């Protein structure tokens, strides 16, 4: 994905988010230079910030997701049973833009339709090995009410509705009828290790630097801030 396209997506996404009255935290608008000069461990270590992914396939409009991690604890706090054990993201799923089938090993999450079109989720339960169970009934809470679907059933959430997905539940999602603003409230988020995809794809985009970054992505931090290859 070209950096110019990433910059365009950030501008469009920020405007879409603001149209629903959601205001991003101040660090969202720091320039790359300001972030590098400040180097706040609470942002860099927790990997807070912008995250635009095409899953390494170069087809963002068809297969991609806009994310911004607002807050995040540390994985080691989970094992100790104390500290900041939660995370929050704001996301945008465009109309008919697929976020591909995946599951998490550790993370439990509430996926919330914050506004726009319908949010459609395709759901499967895991089998004994953690793979997709194509026969088992899907059982998930939606705003405290248990919903039951056949394997691969489509759960459609209107604005204001949410679903709780426990670790292991396979899910893919997209917007229907329009772009969707999505909230995610979860246990500690680790995008480096806790995304298991049904197909062999990447979690982050490969960026072609055709112009300077408007804001750094979380996947830029090692290279731009820490000087790692």
C-alpha atoms as a PDB file:
ATOM      1  CA  UNK A   1       0.000   0.000   0.000  1.00  0.00           C
ATOM      2  CA  UNK A   2       1.343   3.443  -0.875  1.00  0.00           C
ATOM      3  CA  UNK A   3       1.943   5.895   1.953  1.00  0.00           C
ATOM      4  CA  UNK A   4      -0.115   8.482   0.063  1.00  0.00           C
ATOM      5  CA  UNK A   5      -3.091   6.109   0.199  1.00  0.00           C
ATOM      6  CA  UNK A   6      -2.539   5.501   3.921  1.00  0.00           C
ATOM      7  CA  UNK A   7      -2.504   9.278   4.516  1.00  0.00           C
ATOM      8  CA  UNK A   8      -5.731   9.633   2.527  1.00  0.00           C
ATOM      9  CA  UNK A   9      -7.402   6.832   4.527  1.00  0.00           C
ATOM     10  CA  UNK A  10      -6.379   8.473   7.806  1.00  0.00           C
ATOM     11  CA  UNK A  11      -7.875  11.824   6.758  1.00  0.00           C
ATOM     12  CA  UNK A  12     -11.108  10.221   5.541  1.00  0.00           C
ATOM     13  CA  UNK A  13     -11.356   8.002   8.611  1.00  0.00           C
ATOM     14  CA  UNK A  14     -10.786  10.871  11.026  1.00  0.00           C
ATOM     15  CA  UNK A  15     -13.587  12.852   9.379  1.00  0.00           C
ATOM     16  CA  UNK A  16     -15.916   9.831   9.525  1.00  0.00           C
ATOM     17  CA  UNK A  17     -15.180   9.281  13.209  1.00  0.00           C
ATOM     18  CA  UNK A  18     -15.757  12.952  14.042  1.00  0.00           C
ATOM     19  CA  UNK A  19     -19.099  12.871  12.201  1.00  0.00           C
ATOM     20  CA  UNK A  20     -20.400  10.629  15.019  1.00  0.00           C
ATOM     21  CA  UNK A  21     -19.146  12.939  17.770  1.00  0.00           C
ATOM     22  CA  UNK A  22     -16.218  10.695  18.735  1.00  0.00           C
ATOM     23  CA  UNK A  23     -13.088  12.743  19.442  1.00  0.00           C
ATOM     24  CA  UNK A  24      -9.666  11.118  19.165  1.00  0.00           C
ATOM     25  CA  UNK A  25      -7.029  11.591  21.890  1.00  0.00           C
ATOM     26  CA  UNK A  26      -4.454  14.373  21.370  1.00  0.00           C
ATOM     27  CA  UNK A  27      -1.583  12.023  20.505  1.00  0.00           C
ATOM     28  CA  UNK A  28      -3.507  10.899  17.421  1.00  0.00           C
ATOM     29  CA  UNK A  29      -2.508  14.161  15.751  1.00  0.00           C
ATOM     30  CA  UNK A  30       1.157  14.292  16.686  1.00  0.00           C
ATOM     31  CA  UNK A  31       3.485  14.499  13.713  1.00  0.00           C
ATOM     32  CA  UNK A  32       6.060  11.735  13.224  1.00  0.00           C
ATOM     33  CA  UNK A  33       8.732  14.163  14.439  1.00  0.00           C
ATOM     34  CA  UNK A  34       6.828  15.002  17.638  1.00  0.00           C
ATOM     35  CA  UNK A  35       6.242  11.336  18.404  1.00  0.00           C
ATOM     36  CA  UNK A  36       9.917  10.562  17.838  1.00  0.00           C
ATOM     37  CA  UNK A  37      11.053  13.476  19.993  1.00  0.00           C
ATOM     38  CA  UNK A  38       8.719  12.603  22.856  1.00  0.00           C
ATOM     39  CA  UNK A  39       9.004   8.801  22.639  1.00  0.00           C
ATOM     40  CA  UNK A  40       6.295   8.169  25.275  1.00  0.00           C
ATOM     41  CA  UNK A  41       6.656   4.600  26.497  1.00  0.00           C
ATOM     42  CA  UNK A  42       2.965   4.469  27.371  1.00  0.00           C
ATOM     43  CA  UNK A  43       2.107   4.907  23.679  1.00  0.00           C
ATOM     44  CA  UNK A  44       4.946   3.071  21.964  1.00  0.00           C
ATOM     45  CA  UNK A  45       5.144   0.027  24.252  1.00  0.00           C
ATOM     46  CA  UNK A  46       1.360  -0.425  24.260  1.00  0.00           C
ATOM     47  CA  UNK A  47       1.275   0.141  20.473  1.00  0.00           C
ATOM     48  CA  UNK A  48      -1.397   2.802  20.691  1.00  0.00           C
ATOM     49  CA  UNK A  49      -2.286   4.706  17.539  1.00  0.00           C
ATOM     50  CA  UNK A  50      -3.155   4.384  13.866  1.00  0.00           C
ATOM     51  CA  UNK A  51      -3.363   0.983  12.203  1.00  0.00           C
ATOM     52  CA  UNK A  52      -4.380   0.761   8.536  1.00  0.00           C
ATOM     53  CA  UNK A  53      -4.181  -2.765   7.188  1.00  0.00           C
ATOM     54  CA  UNK A  54      -4.783  -4.489   3.876  1.00  0.00           C
ATOM     55  CA  UNK A  55      -3.518  -7.756   5.411  1.00  0.00           C
ATOM     56  CA  UNK A  56      -0.537  -7.610   3.078  1.00  0.00           C
ATOM     57  CA  UNK A  57      -2.648  -8.343  -0.006  1.00  0.00           C
ATOM     58  CA  UNK A  58      -2.860  -4.860  -1.574  1.00  0.00           C
ATOM     59  CA  UNK A  59      -6.666  -4.812  -1.921  1.00  0.00           C
ATOM     60  CA  UNK A  60      -7.661  -2.455   0.886  1.00  0.00           C
ATOM     61  CA  UNK A  61     -11.080  -1.483  -0.490  1.00  0.00           C
ATOM     62  CA  UNK A  62     -12.106  -5.147  -0.704  1.00  0.00           C
ATOM     63  CA  UNK A  63     -10.027  -6.657   2.111  1.00  0.00           C
ATOM     64  CA  UNK A  64      -8.923  -4.315   4.861  1.00  0.00           C
ATOM     65  CA  UNK A  65      -9.695  -2.482   8.083  1.00  0.00           C
ATOM     66  CA  UNK A  66      -9.140   0.926   9.683  1.00  0.00           C
ATOM     67  CA  UNK A  67      -8.187   0.765  13.372  1.00  0.00           C
ATOM     68  CA  UNK A  68      -6.977   3.118  16.078  1.00  0.00           C
ATOM     69  CA  UNK A  69      -5.902   1.689  19.439  1.00  0.00           C
ATOM     70  CA  UNK A  70      -6.957   4.197  22.084  1.00  0.00           C
ATOM     71  CA  UNK A  71      -5.796   2.356  25.215  1.00  0.00           C
ATOM     72  CA  UNK A  72      -4.118  -0.949  25.981  1.00  0.00           C
ATOM     73  CA  UNK A  73      -2.675  -2.810  28.956  1.00  0.00           C
ATOM     74  CA  UNK A  74       0.263  -5.183  29.054  1.00  0.00           C
ATOM     75  CA  UNK A  75       0.148  -8.907  28.395  1.00  0.00           C
ATOM     76  CA  UNK A  76       2.258  -9.632  31.473  1.00  0.00           C
ATOM     77  CA  UNK A  77      -0.459  -8.060  33.643  1.00  0.00           C
ATOM     78  CA  UNK A  78      -2.831 -10.817  32.534  1.00  0.00           C
ATOM     79  CA  UNK A  79      -0.559 -13.524  33.879  1.00  0.00           C
ATOM     80  CA  UNK A  80      -0.157 -11.618  37.141  1.00  0.00           C
ATOM     81  CA  UNK A  81      -3.896 -11.081  37.437  1.00  0.00           C
ATOM     82  CA  UNK A  82      -3.669  -7.355  38.105  1.00  0.00           C
ATOM     83  CA  UNK A  83      -3.027  -3.997  36.492  1.00  0.00           C
ATOM     84  CA  UNK A  84      -4.523  -2.636  33.274  1.00  0.00           C
ATOM     85  CA  UNK A  85      -6.200  -5.724  31.828  1.00  0.00           C
ATOM     86  CA  UNK A  86      -8.231  -4.016  29.116  1.00  0.00           C
ATOM     87  CA  UNK A  87      -7.954  -2.329  25.728  1.00  0.00           C
ATOM     88  CA  UNK A  88     -10.099  -0.143  23.492  1.00  0.00           C
ATOM     89  CA  UNK A  89     -10.124   0.451  19.746  1.00  0.00           C
ATOM     90  CA  UNK A  90     -12.160   2.517  17.338  1.00  0.00           C
ATOM     91  CA  UNK A  91     -12.448   0.996  13.859  1.00  0.00           C
ATOM     92  CA  UNK A  92     -14.082   1.540  10.484  1.00  0.00           C
ATOM     93  CA  UNK A  93     -15.360  -1.267   8.298  1.00  0.00           C
ATOM     94  CA  UNK A  94     -16.347   0.048   4.901  1.00  0.00           C
ATOM     95  CA  UNK A  95     -19.349  -1.162   2.981  1.00  0.00           C
ATOM     96  CA  UNK A  96     -18.586  -4.688   1.724  1.00  0.00           C
ATOM     97  CA  UNK A  97     -14.978  -4.415   2.945  1.00  0.00           C
ATOM     98  CA  UNK A  98     -14.041  -7.765   4.445  1.00  0.00           C
ATOM     99  CA  UNK A  99     -12.036  -8.220   7.618  1.00  0.00           C
ATOM    100  CA  UNK A 100     -11.066 -11.856   7.049  1.00  0.00           C
ATOM    101  CA  UNK A 101     -11.829 -14.903   9.154  1.00  0.00           C
ATOM    102  CA  UNK A 102      -9.712 -15.050  12.308  1.00  0.00           C
ATOM    103  CA  UNK A 103      -9.728 -15.871  16.005  1.00  0.00           C
ATOM    104  CA  UNK A 104      -7.828 -14.859  19.119  1.00  0.00           C
ATOM    105  CA  UNK A 105      -6.096 -17.126  21.609  1.00  0.00           C
ATOM    106  CA  UNK A 106      -6.204 -14.740  24.577  1.00  0.00           C
ATOM    107  CA  UNK A 107      -8.392 -11.758  23.763  1.00  0.00           C
ATOM    108  CA  UNK A 108     -12.076 -11.603  24.648  1.00  0.00           C
ATOM    109  CA  UNK A 109     -13.806  -8.683  22.987  1.00  0.00           C
ATOM    110  CA  UNK A 110     -17.023  -6.759  22.655  1.00  0.00           C
ATOM    111  CA  UNK A 111     -17.577  -5.613  19.064  1.00  0.00           C
ATOM    112  CA  UNK A 112     -19.958  -2.641  19.006  1.00  0.00           C
ATOM    113  CA  UNK A 113     -21.732  -0.984  16.094  1.00  0.00           C
ATOM    114  CA  UNK A 114     -21.247   2.697  16.953  1.00  0.00           C
ATOM    115  CA  UNK A 115     -23.038   4.031  13.879  1.00  0.00           C
ATOM    116  CA  UNK A 116     -23.486   3.910  10.109  1.00  0.00           C
ATOM    117  CA  UNK A 117     -24.668   0.794   8.318  1.00  0.00           C
ATOM    118  CA  UNK A 118     -25.209  -2.715   9.636  1.00  0.00           C
ATOM    119  CA  UNK A 119     -22.214  -4.647  10.901  1.00  0.00           C
ATOM    120  CA  UNK A 120     -22.327  -8.218   9.624  1.00  0.00           C
ATOM    121  CA  UNK A 121     -20.299 -10.962  11.318  1.00  0.00           C
ATOM    122  CA  UNK A 122     -19.831 -14.491   9.995  1.00  0.00           C
ATOM    123  CA  UNK A 123     -19.245 -16.749  12.997  1.00  0.00           C
ATOM    124  CA  UNK A 124     -17.925 -20.238  13.720  1.00  0.00           C
ATOM    125  CA  UNK A 125     -17.084 -21.996  16.967  1.00  0.00           C
ATOM    126  CA  UNK A 126     -13.661 -23.665  17.305  1.00  0.00           C
ATOM    127  CA  UNK A 127     -13.159 -27.395  17.131  1.00  0.00           C
ATOM    128  CA  UNK A 128     -11.020 -29.314  19.639  1.00  0.00           C
ATOM    129  CA  UNK A 129      -7.802 -28.348  17.814  1.00  0.00           C
ATOM    130  CA  UNK A 130      -8.796 -24.686  17.541  1.00  0.00           C
ATOM    131  CA  UNK A 131      -9.759 -24.927  13.863  1.00  0.00           C
ATOM    132  CA  UNK A 132     -13.104 -23.972  12.353  1.00  0.00           C
ATOM    133  CA  UNK A 133     -15.983 -26.232  13.364  1.00  0.00           C
ATOM    134  CA  UNK A 134     -18.334 -26.288  10.375  1.00  0.00           C
ATOM    135  CA  UNK A 135     -21.061 -28.160  12.253  1.00  0.00           C
ATOM    136  CA  UNK A 136     -21.224 -26.825  15.806  1.00  0.00           C
ATOM    137  CA  UNK A 137     -23.895 -24.280  16.734  1.00  0.00           C
ATOM    138  CA  UNK A 138     -22.618 -20.772  17.440  1.00  0.00           C
ATOM    139  CA  UNK A 139     -23.624 -19.347  20.829  1.00  0.00           C
ATOM    140  CA  UNK A 140     -22.748 -15.701  21.575  1.00  0.00           C
ATOM    141  CA  UNK A 141     -24.102 -12.979  23.894  1.00  0.00           C
ATOM    142  CA  UNK A 142     -25.437  -9.860  22.213  1.00  0.00           C
ATOM    143  CA  UNK A 143     -25.953  -7.070  24.758  1.00  0.00           C
ATOM    144  CA  UNK A 144     -26.556  -9.673  27.457  1.00  0.00           C
ATOM    145  CA  UNK A 145     -28.967 -11.780  25.372  1.00  0.00           C
ATOM    146  CA  UNK A 146     -27.799 -15.194  24.144  1.00  0.00           C
ATOM    147  CA  UNK A 147     -28.024 -15.651  20.381  1.00  0.00           C
ATOM    148  CA  UNK A 148     -27.808 -19.009  18.641  1.00  0.00           C
ATOM    149  CA  UNK A 149     -26.784 -19.363  14.992  1.00  0.00           C
ATOM    150  CA  UNK A 150     -25.840 -22.266  12.734  1.00  0.00           C
ATOM    151  CA  UNK A 151     -22.152 -22.678  11.977  1.00  0.00           C
ATOM    152  CA  UNK A 152     -21.205 -19.891   9.567  1.00  0.00           C
ATOM    153  CA  UNK A 153     -24.358 -17.960  10.421  1.00  0.00           C
ATOM    154  CA  UNK A 154     -24.484 -14.222   9.833  1.00  0.00           C
ATOM    155  CA  UNK A 155     -25.071 -11.987  12.844  1.00  0.00           C
ATOM    156  CA  UNK A 156     -26.231  -8.505  11.824  1.00  0.00           C
ATOM    157  CA  UNK A 157     -25.808  -5.664  14.305  1.00  0.00           C
ATOM    158  CA  UNK A 158     -27.629  -2.360  13.957  1.00  0.00           C
ATOM    159  CA  UNK A 159     -26.120   0.829  15.414  1.00  0.00           C
ATOM    160  CA  UNK A 160     -26.005   0.523  19.190  1.00  0.00           C
ATOM    161  CA  UNK A 161     -25.890  -3.274  19.197  1.00  0.00           C
ATOM    162  CA  UNK A 162     -22.896  -5.371  20.202  1.00  0.00           C
ATOM    163  CA  UNK A 163     -21.650  -8.942  20.445  1.00  0.00           C
ATOM    164  CA  UNK A 164     -19.242 -10.541  22.907  1.00  0.00           C
ATOM    165  CA  UNK A 165     -16.685 -12.879  21.338  1.00  0.00           C
ATOM    166  CA  UNK A 166     -14.725 -15.132  23.655  1.00  0.00           C
ATOM    167  CA  UNK A 167     -11.246 -16.436  22.777  1.00  0.00           C
ATOM    168  CA  UNK A 168     -11.378 -19.055  20.055  1.00  0.00           C
ATOM    169  CA  UNK A 169     -14.556 -17.885  18.304  1.00  0.00           C
ATOM    170  CA  UNK A 170     -13.869 -17.494  14.584  1.00  0.00           C
ATOM    171  CA  UNK A 171     -15.189 -14.296  13.037  1.00  0.00           C
ATOM    172  CA  UNK A 172     -15.080 -12.267   9.847  1.00  0.00           C
ATOM    173  CA  UNK A 173     -17.002  -9.017   9.376  1.00  0.00           C
ATOM    174  CA  UNK A 174     -17.947  -6.244   6.974  1.00  0.00           C
ATOM    175  CA  UNK A 175     -20.290  -3.282   6.592  1.00  0.00           C
ATOM    176  CA  UNK A 176     -23.678  -3.645   4.951  1.00  0.00           C
ATOM    177  CA  UNK A 177     -25.637  -0.715   3.557  1.00  0.00           C
ATOM    178  CA  UNK A 178     -22.848   1.745   4.346  1.00  0.00           C
ATOM    179  CA  UNK A 179     -19.592   2.249   6.199  1.00  0.00           C
ATOM    180  CA  UNK A 180     -19.702   1.277   9.896  1.00  0.00           C
ATOM    181  CA  UNK A 181     -18.027   2.885  12.902  1.00  0.00           C
ATOM    182  CA  UNK A 182     -17.018   0.063  15.239  1.00  0.00           C
ATOM    183  CA  UNK A 183     -15.997   0.141  18.870  1.00  0.00           C
ATOM    184  CA  UNK A 184     -13.955  -2.638  20.414  1.00  0.00           C
ATOM    185  CA  UNK A 185     -13.599  -3.148  24.156  1.00  0.00           C
ATOM    186  CA  UNK A 186     -11.434  -6.115  25.064  1.00  0.00           C
ATOM    187  CA  UNK A 187      -8.890  -7.706  27.298  1.00  0.00           C
ATOM    188  CA  UNK A 188      -5.288  -6.694  26.602  1.00  0.00           C
ATOM    189  CA  UNK A 189      -4.630  -6.539  22.863  1.00  0.00           C
ATOM    190  CA  UNK A 190      -1.552  -8.092  21.231  1.00  0.00           C
ATOM    191  CA  UNK A 191      -1.753  -7.784  17.460  1.00  0.00           C
ATOM    192  CA  UNK A 192       1.732  -9.240  17.018  1.00  0.00           C
ATOM    193  CA  UNK A 193       0.890 -12.705  18.363  1.00  0.00           C
ATOM    194  CA  UNK A 194      -2.843 -13.049  19.069  1.00  0.00           C
ATOM    195  CA  UNK A 195      -4.392 -13.037  15.592  1.00  0.00           C
ATOM    196  CA  UNK A 196      -4.880 -16.490  14.052  1.00  0.00           C
ATOM    197  CA  UNK A 197      -6.145 -16.266  10.473  1.00  0.00           C
ATOM    198  CA  UNK A 198      -7.976 -19.006   8.610  1.00  0.00           C
ATOM    199  CA  UNK A 199      -5.883 -18.256   5.508  1.00  0.00           C
ATOM    200  CA  UNK A 200      -2.121 -17.528   5.405  1.00  0.00           C
ATOM    201  CA  UNK A 201      -2.210 -13.726   5.312  1.00  0.00           C
ATOM    202  CA  UNK A 202      -0.362 -10.963   7.129  1.00  0.00           C
ATOM    203  CA  UNK A 203      -1.685  -8.711   9.885  1.00  0.00           C
ATOM    204  CA  UNK A 204       0.025  -5.503   8.719  1.00  0.00           C
ATOM    205  CA  UNK A 205       0.477  -3.696   5.414  1.00  0.00           C
ATOM    206  CA  UNK A 206       3.698  -3.360   3.451  1.00  0.00           C
ATOM    207  CA  UNK A 207       4.142   0.389   2.885  1.00  0.00           C
ATOM    208  CA  UNK A 208       5.583   1.956  -0.255  1.00  0.00           C
ATOM    209  CA  UNK A 209       7.031   5.337   0.762  1.00  0.00           C
ATOM    210  CA  UNK A 210       5.867   7.624  -2.048  1.00  0.00           C
ATOM    211  CA  UNK A 211       5.364  10.592   0.320  1.00  0.00           C
ATOM    212  CA  UNK A 212       6.026  11.530   3.945  1.00  0.00           C
ATOM    213  CA  UNK A 213       3.709   9.986   6.561  1.00  0.00           C
ATOM    214  CA  UNK A 214       0.961  12.204   7.936  1.00  0.00           C
ATOM    215  CA  UNK A 215       0.997  10.186  11.163  1.00  0.00           C
ATOM    216  CA  UNK A 216       2.923   7.038  11.994  1.00  0.00           C
ATOM    217  CA  UNK A 217       1.188   3.668  12.044  1.00  0.00           C
ATOM    218  CA  UNK A 218       1.835   1.304  14.947  1.00  0.00           C
ATOM    219  CA  UNK A 219       3.663  -0.887  12.433  1.00  0.00           C
ATOM    220  CA  UNK A 220       6.010   2.059  11.729  1.00  0.00           C
ATOM    221  CA  UNK A 221       7.240   2.442  15.302  1.00  0.00           C
ATOM    222  CA  UNK A 222      10.164   0.025  15.189  1.00  0.00           C
ATOM    223  CA  UNK A 223      11.564   1.516  11.997  1.00  0.00           C
ATOM    224  CA  UNK A 224      10.833   5.243  12.459  1.00  0.00           C
ATOM    225  CA  UNK A 225      11.221   5.527  16.233  1.00  0.00           C
ATOM    226  CA  UNK A 226      13.634   2.748  17.208  1.00  0.00           C
ATOM    227  CA  UNK A 227      15.625   2.548  13.970  1.00  0.00           C
ATOM    228  CA  UNK A 228      15.056  -1.173  13.470  1.00  0.00           C
ATOM    229  CA  UNK A 229      14.911  -2.700  10.003  1.00  0.00           C
END
